[in-house]
Amino acid sequence: MPQTFTKSERLCSKKILGDLFKKGSASVGTFYLFPFRVLYLPQPESNGSLPAIVITVPKRLFKRAVDRNLIRRRVREAYRLHKDQFAINAAGPASIAFLYTAKQIISFEEIEKGMKLAIAKCAMKNMP
């Protein structure tokens, strides 16, 4: 599987984003795994495709856009390198939001470690 991050893997739909971030929704799963809070919508049928993701970094904690973009790039790269775990398990969530929760900019190695664990946990959530 090529390690790319295509347009189809980016979550752009306002409707799905609204469903994902709806407060108190029973259909949205969530868990916290440093440095992320992960929200996901389960896939109704397993079609084996990769989930669409969105990465958010709070403006409240990182005032400068340069810092937010740096974190977003690191998270995106960590996801790109480890997304093949979804292909192995075949049944993963349809949509995932990664919310960066650390109070400071952390190293790529720490982000990658957290991303590996988050993807593994997320891939297992939809297993029958």
N, C-alpha and C. Protein backbone atom coordinates (compact mmCIF):
# COMPACT_ATOMS: atom_id res chain seq x y z
N MET A 1 0.85 -1.18 0.00
CA MET A 1 0.00 0.00 0.00
C MET A 1 0.90 1.25 0.00
N PRO A 2 0.65 2.17 -0.93
CA PRO A 2 1.48 3.38 -0.96
C PRO A 2 1.18 4.26 0.26
N GLN A 3 2.22 4.87 0.77
CA GLN A 3 2.05 5.73 1.95
C GLN A 3 1.82 7.16 1.51
N THR A 4 0.61 7.42 1.06
CA THR A 4 0.24 8.77 0.64
C THR A 4 -0.89 9.25 1.53
N PHE A 5 -1.24 10.50 1.38
CA PHE A 5 -2.38 11.05 2.12
C PHE A 5 -3.22 11.81 1.12
N THR A 6 -4.17 11.11 0.50
CA THR A 6 -4.94 11.67 -0.61
C THR A 6 -6.14 12.47 -0.13
N LYS A 7 -6.75 13.18 -1.06
CA LYS A 7 -7.92 14.00 -0.78
C LYS A 7 -9.06 13.16 -0.21
N SER A 8 -9.22 11.93 -0.68
CA SER A 8 -10.32 11.08 -0.20
C SER A 8 -10.14 10.69 1.27
N GLU A 9 -8.93 10.81 1.79
CA GLU A 9 -8.68 10.48 3.20
C GLU A 9 -8.88 11.68 4.12
N ARG A 10 -9.11 12.86 3.55
CA ARG A 10 -9.33 14.06 4.36
C ARG A 10 -10.82 14.24 4.59
N LEU A 11 -11.18 14.57 5.79
CA LEU A 11 -12.58 14.76 6.12
C LEU A 11 -12.97 16.22 5.85
N CYS A 12 -13.81 16.44 4.84
CA CYS A 12 -14.18 17.79 4.43
C CYS A 12 -15.67 18.04 4.57
N SER A 13 -16.47 17.00 4.66
CA SER A 13 -17.93 17.13 4.68
C SER A 13 -18.41 17.84 5.95
N LYS A 14 -19.11 18.96 5.77
CA LYS A 14 -19.62 19.72 6.91
C LYS A 14 -20.65 18.90 7.69
N LYS A 15 -21.42 18.07 7.01
CA LYS A 15 -22.43 17.24 7.67
C LYS A 15 -21.77 16.21 8.59
N ILE A 16 -20.76 15.52 8.07
CA ILE A 16 -20.06 14.50 8.88
C ILE A 16 -19.31 15.17 10.03
N LEU A 17 -18.66 16.31 9.76
CA LEU A 17 -17.97 17.04 10.82
C LEU A 17 -18.95 17.46 11.91
N GLY A 18 -20.14 17.92 11.50
CA GLY A 18 -21.18 18.29 12.47
C GLY A 18 -21.60 17.10 13.32
N ASP A 19 -21.78 15.94 12.67
CA ASP A 19 -22.15 14.72 13.41
C ASP A 19 -21.04 14.31 14.37
N LEU A 20 -19.81 14.44 13.92
CA LEU A 20 -18.66 14.03 14.72
C LEU A 20 -18.49 14.88 15.97
N PHE A 21 -18.74 16.19 15.84
CA PHE A 21 -18.52 17.10 16.96
C PHE A 21 -19.80 17.44 17.72
N LYS A 22 -20.91 16.74 17.43
CA LYS A 22 -22.17 16.99 18.13
C LYS A 22 -22.04 16.55 19.58
N LYS A 23 -22.37 17.46 20.50
CA LYS A 23 -22.27 17.17 21.94
C LYS A 23 -23.30 16.12 22.35
N GLY A 24 -22.88 15.15 23.11
CA GLY A 24 -23.79 14.16 23.67
C GLY A 24 -24.34 13.15 22.68
N SER A 25 -23.76 13.04 21.51
CA SER A 25 -24.25 12.09 20.52
C SER A 25 -23.82 10.67 20.91
N ALA A 26 -24.78 9.75 20.88
CA ALA A 26 -24.50 8.37 21.27
C ALA A 26 -23.74 7.62 20.19
N SER A 27 -23.83 8.07 18.94
CA SER A 27 -23.19 7.35 17.84
C SER A 27 -21.68 7.62 17.74
N VAL A 28 -21.21 8.68 18.40
CA VAL A 28 -19.80 9.05 18.32
C VAL A 28 -19.02 8.41 19.46
N GLY A 29 -17.96 7.70 19.10
CA GLY A 29 -17.08 7.11 20.12
C GLY A 29 -15.95 8.08 20.41
N THR A 30 -15.44 8.04 21.63
CA THR A 30 -14.34 8.94 21.98
C THR A 30 -13.42 8.27 23.00
N PHE A 31 -12.15 8.62 22.93
CA PHE A 31 -11.20 8.21 23.95
C PHE A 31 -10.05 9.20 23.96
N TYR A 32 -9.31 9.21 25.05
CA TYR A 32 -8.17 10.11 25.21
C TYR A 32 -6.90 9.28 25.28
N LEU A 33 -5.90 9.65 24.50
CA LEU A 33 -4.62 8.97 24.49
C LEU A 33 -3.57 10.03 24.17
N PHE A 34 -2.75 10.40 25.16
CA PHE A 34 -1.83 11.52 24.99
C PHE A 34 -1.05 11.43 23.69
N PRO A 35 -0.95 12.48 22.92
CA PRO A 35 -1.43 13.84 23.07
C PRO A 35 -2.75 14.12 22.34
N PHE A 36 -3.58 13.09 22.14
CA PHE A 36 -4.81 13.27 21.36
C PHE A 36 -6.06 12.93 22.14
N ARG A 37 -7.12 13.63 21.79
CA ARG A 37 -8.48 13.18 22.11
C ARG A 37 -9.02 12.74 20.77
N VAL A 38 -9.50 11.52 20.67
CA VAL A 38 -9.93 10.95 19.40
C VAL A 38 -11.44 10.78 19.41
N LEU A 39 -12.09 11.31 18.39
CA LEU A 39 -13.52 11.12 18.16
C LEU A 39 -13.67 10.29 16.89
N TYR A 40 -14.58 9.34 16.89
CA TYR A 40 -14.76 8.54 15.68
C TYR A 40 -16.20 8.13 15.49
N LEU A 41 -16.61 8.03 14.23
CA LEU A 41 -17.92 7.51 13.85
C LEU A 41 -17.73 6.10 13.31
N PRO A 42 -18.40 5.11 13.89
CA PRO A 42 -18.25 3.74 13.40
C PRO A 42 -18.79 3.61 11.99
N GLN A 43 -18.22 2.67 11.26
CA GLN A 43 -18.63 2.40 9.88
C GLN A 43 -19.82 1.45 9.91
N PRO A 44 -20.94 1.78 9.23
CA PRO A 44 -22.10 0.89 9.26
C PRO A 44 -21.81 -0.48 8.65
N GLU A 45 -21.16 -0.53 7.50
CA GLU A 45 -20.79 -1.80 6.88
C GLU A 45 -19.30 -1.75 6.62
N SER A 46 -18.65 -2.88 6.66
CA SER A 46 -17.20 -2.85 6.46
C SER A 46 -16.90 -2.91 4.97
N ASN A 47 -16.42 -1.80 4.43
CA ASN A 47 -16.07 -1.76 3.01
C ASN A 47 -14.56 -1.78 2.81
N GLY A 48 -13.82 -1.84 3.89
CA GLY A 48 -12.37 -1.99 3.79
C GLY A 48 -11.61 -0.74 3.37
N SER A 49 -12.29 0.39 3.22
CA SER A 49 -11.57 1.60 2.82
C SER A 49 -11.01 2.31 4.05
N LEU A 50 -10.04 3.18 3.80
CA LEU A 50 -9.44 3.93 4.90
C LEU A 50 -10.40 5.00 5.41
N PRO A 51 -10.34 5.32 6.69
CA PRO A 51 -11.23 6.34 7.23
C PRO A 51 -10.82 7.74 6.77
N ALA A 52 -11.80 8.65 6.76
CA ALA A 52 -11.50 10.05 6.50
C ALA A 52 -11.14 10.68 7.84
N ILE A 53 -10.08 11.50 7.87
CA ILE A 53 -9.66 12.08 9.14
C ILE A 53 -9.59 13.59 9.07
N VAL A 54 -9.68 14.20 10.24
CA VAL A 54 -9.47 15.64 10.39
C VAL A 54 -8.56 15.82 11.61
N ILE A 55 -7.66 16.79 11.52
CA ILE A 55 -6.71 17.07 12.60
C ILE A 55 -6.97 18.49 13.09
N THR A 56 -7.22 18.65 14.38
CA THR A 56 -7.46 19.99 14.91
C THR A 56 -6.43 20.33 15.99
N VAL A 57 -5.98 21.57 15.94
CA VAL A 57 -5.04 22.10 16.93
C VAL A 57 -5.65 23.39 17.46
N PRO A 58 -5.84 23.51 18.78
CA PRO A 58 -6.56 24.66 19.33
C PRO A 58 -5.82 25.99 19.21
N LYS A 59 -6.53 26.98 18.74
CA LYS A 59 -5.98 28.32 18.63
C LYS A 59 -5.79 28.94 20.01
N ARG A 60 -6.58 28.48 20.96
CA ARG A 60 -6.49 28.99 22.33
C ARG A 60 -5.13 28.69 22.95
N LEU A 61 -4.57 27.52 22.64
CA LEU A 61 -3.28 27.14 23.21
C LEU A 61 -2.10 27.60 22.37
N PHE A 62 -2.28 27.65 21.05
CA PHE A 62 -1.20 28.01 20.13
C PHE A 62 -1.67 29.20 19.30
N LYS A 63 -1.32 30.38 19.75
CA LYS A 63 -1.79 31.61 19.11
C LYS A 63 -1.22 31.79 17.71
N ARG A 64 0.02 31.37 17.51
CA ARG A 64 0.68 31.59 16.22
C ARG A 64 0.34 30.46 15.24
N ALA A 65 -0.08 30.84 14.05
CA ALA A 65 -0.45 29.88 13.02
C ALA A 65 0.73 28.97 12.65
N VAL A 66 1.95 29.51 12.75
CA VAL A 66 3.15 28.73 12.43
C VAL A 66 3.24 27.51 13.35
N ASP A 67 2.94 27.71 14.62
CA ASP A 67 3.00 26.61 15.58
C ASP A 67 1.90 25.58 15.30
N ARG A 68 0.69 26.05 15.03
CA ARG A 68 -0.42 25.14 14.74
C ARG A 68 -0.12 24.32 13.48
N ASN A 69 0.44 24.97 12.46
CA ASN A 69 0.76 24.27 11.22
C ASN A 69 1.87 23.23 11.43
N LEU A 70 2.86 23.56 12.25
CA LEU A 70 3.94 22.62 12.56
C LEU A 70 3.37 21.36 13.22
N ILE A 71 2.51 21.54 14.20
CA ILE A 71 1.91 20.41 14.90
C ILE A 71 1.05 19.59 13.93
N ARG A 72 0.26 20.28 13.12
CA ARG A 72 -0.61 19.61 12.15
C ARG A 72 0.21 18.78 11.17
N ARG A 73 1.33 19.31 10.70
CA ARG A 73 2.21 18.57 9.78
C ARG A 73 2.78 17.32 10.45
N ARG A 74 3.20 17.46 11.69
CA ARG A 74 3.76 16.31 12.42
C ARG A 74 2.71 15.22 12.62
N VAL A 75 1.49 15.63 12.99
CA VAL A 75 0.41 14.66 13.21
C VAL A 75 0.05 13.97 11.90
N ARG A 76 -0.04 14.74 10.82
CA ARG A 76 -0.38 14.19 9.51
C ARG A 76 0.66 13.17 9.05
N GLU A 77 1.92 13.48 9.28
CA GLU A 77 3.00 12.57 8.89
C GLU A 77 2.96 11.29 9.72
N ALA A 78 2.71 11.41 11.01
CA ALA A 78 2.61 10.23 11.88
C ALA A 78 1.45 9.35 11.43
N TYR A 79 0.33 9.97 11.07
CA TYR A 79 -0.83 9.19 10.59
C TYR A 79 -0.48 8.49 9.27
N ARG A 80 0.14 9.23 8.35
CA ARG A 80 0.47 8.70 7.04
C ARG A 80 1.36 7.45 7.15
N LEU A 81 2.30 7.49 8.09
CA LEU A 81 3.23 6.38 8.25
C LEU A 81 2.58 5.14 8.86
N HIS A 82 1.51 5.31 9.63
CA HIS A 82 0.95 4.17 10.38
C HIS A 82 -0.49 3.84 10.02
N LYS A 83 -1.03 4.44 8.99
CA LYS A 83 -2.43 4.19 8.62
C LYS A 83 -2.66 2.79 8.08
N ASP A 84 -1.59 2.08 7.70
CA ASP A 84 -1.76 0.73 7.18
C ASP A 84 -2.31 -0.24 8.22
N GLN A 85 -2.33 0.13 9.49
CA GLN A 85 -2.94 -0.71 10.53
C GLN A 85 -4.44 -0.86 10.30
N PHE A 86 -5.08 0.15 9.67
CA PHE A 86 -6.49 0.04 9.34
C PHE A 86 -6.72 -1.01 8.26
N ALA A 87 -5.80 -1.10 7.30
CA ALA A 87 -5.92 -2.07 6.21
C ALA A 87 -5.77 -3.49 6.74
N ILE A 88 -4.95 -3.66 7.75
CA ILE A 88 -4.74 -4.99 8.34
C ILE A 88 -6.01 -5.48 9.02
N ASN A 89 -6.66 -4.57 9.77
CA ASN A 89 -7.86 -4.97 10.52
C ASN A 89 -9.14 -4.92 9.68
N ALA A 90 -9.11 -4.27 8.53
CA ALA A 90 -10.20 -4.20 7.56
C ALA A 90 -11.46 -3.48 8.05
N ALA A 91 -11.76 -3.52 9.32
CA ALA A 91 -12.98 -2.85 9.80
C ALA A 91 -12.58 -1.75 10.77
N GLY A 92 -12.44 -0.56 10.27
CA GLY A 92 -12.11 0.58 11.12
C GLY A 92 -13.25 1.59 11.07
N PRO A 93 -13.12 2.68 11.80
CA PRO A 93 -14.16 3.70 11.78
C PRO A 93 -14.24 4.39 10.42
N ALA A 94 -15.38 5.00 10.13
CA ALA A 94 -15.58 5.70 8.87
C ALA A 94 -14.93 7.08 8.90
N SER A 95 -15.02 7.76 10.05
CA SER A 95 -14.49 9.11 10.19
C SER A 95 -13.80 9.24 11.54
N ILE A 96 -12.67 9.95 11.55
CA ILE A 96 -11.92 10.13 12.79
C ILE A 96 -11.48 11.58 12.90
N ALA A 97 -11.57 12.13 14.12
CA ALA A 97 -11.04 13.46 14.41
C ALA A 97 -9.94 13.30 15.46
N PHE A 98 -8.77 13.82 15.17
CA PHE A 98 -7.66 13.83 16.12
C PHE A 98 -7.56 15.25 16.67
N LEU A 99 -7.87 15.43 17.96
CA LEU A 99 -7.78 16.73 18.61
C LEU A 99 -6.50 16.76 19.43
N TYR A 100 -5.61 17.65 19.10
CA TYR A 100 -4.33 17.76 19.79
C TYR A 100 -4.57 18.44 21.13
N THR A 101 -4.17 17.79 22.23
CA THR A 101 -4.50 18.31 23.56
C THR A 101 -3.29 18.73 24.39
N ALA A 102 -2.08 18.44 23.93
CA ALA A 102 -0.88 18.81 24.70
C ALA A 102 -0.78 20.33 24.81
N LYS A 103 -0.22 20.80 25.90
CA LYS A 103 -0.14 22.24 26.15
C LYS A 103 1.04 22.90 25.44
N GLN A 104 2.00 22.09 24.96
CA GLN A 104 3.15 22.66 24.27
C GLN A 104 3.45 21.80 23.04
N ILE A 105 4.34 22.29 22.21
CA ILE A 105 4.74 21.56 21.01
C ILE A 105 5.64 20.41 21.45
N ILE A 106 5.25 19.19 21.11
CA ILE A 106 6.05 18.03 21.49
C ILE A 106 6.76 17.46 20.25
N SER A 107 7.74 16.63 20.48
CA SER A 107 8.57 16.11 19.40
C SER A 107 7.78 15.15 18.51
N PHE A 108 8.27 14.97 17.29
CA PHE A 108 7.62 14.06 16.35
C PHE A 108 7.59 12.64 16.90
N GLU A 109 8.64 12.23 17.60
CA GLU A 109 8.71 10.87 18.14
C GLU A 109 7.56 10.61 19.12
N GLU A 110 7.28 11.59 19.99
CA GLU A 110 6.18 11.43 20.95
C GLU A 110 4.83 11.42 20.23
N ILE A 111 4.67 12.29 19.25
CA ILE A 111 3.43 12.32 18.48
C ILE A 111 3.23 11.00 17.75
N GLU A 112 4.31 10.48 17.17
CA GLU A 112 4.23 9.21 16.43
C GLU A 112 3.85 8.06 17.36
N LYS A 113 4.42 8.04 18.56
CA LYS A 113 4.11 6.99 19.53
C LYS A 113 2.63 7.03 19.91
N GLY A 114 2.11 8.25 20.18
CA GLY A 114 0.70 8.42 20.51
C GLY A 114 -0.20 8.05 19.35
N MET A 115 0.21 8.40 18.14
CA MET A 115 -0.59 8.10 16.94
C MET A 115 -0.68 6.60 16.71
N LYS A 116 0.44 5.88 16.88
CA LYS A 116 0.44 4.43 16.72
C LYS A 116 -0.57 3.78 17.66
N LEU A 117 -0.54 4.19 18.93
CA LEU A 117 -1.46 3.63 19.92
C LEU A 117 -2.90 4.02 19.61
N ALA A 118 -3.12 5.26 19.19
CA ALA A 118 -4.48 5.73 18.88
C ALA A 118 -5.06 4.98 17.69
N ILE A 119 -4.26 4.77 16.66
CA ILE A 119 -4.74 4.05 15.48
C ILE A 119 -5.06 2.60 15.85
N ALA A 120 -4.19 1.97 16.64
CA ALA A 120 -4.42 0.59 17.05
C ALA A 120 -5.72 0.47 17.85
N LYS A 121 -5.92 1.40 18.76
CA LYS A 121 -7.13 1.37 19.60
C LYS A 121 -8.38 1.64 18.75
N CYS A 122 -8.26 2.59 17.83
CA CYS A 122 -9.36 2.95 16.96
C CYS A 122 -9.73 1.79 16.02
N ALA A 123 -8.74 1.11 15.49
CA ALA A 123 -8.97 -0.01 14.58
C ALA A 123 -9.67 -1.16 15.31
N MET A 124 -9.35 -1.32 16.59
CA MET A 124 -9.97 -2.39 17.37
C MET A 124 -11.41 -2.08 17.80
N LYS A 125 -11.75 -0.81 17.88
CA LYS A 125 -13.09 -0.41 18.35
C LYS A 125 -14.19 -0.99 17.48
N ASN A 126 -13.96 -1.13 16.18
CA ASN A 126 -15.01 -1.57 15.26
C ASN A 126 -14.99 -3.07 15.00
N MET A 127 -14.08 -3.77 15.64
CA MET A 127 -13.99 -5.21 15.40
C MET A 127 -15.22 -5.91 15.97
N PRO A 128 -15.77 -6.89 15.28
CA PRO A 128 -16.96 -7.60 15.79
C PRO A 128 -16.65 -8.47 16.99
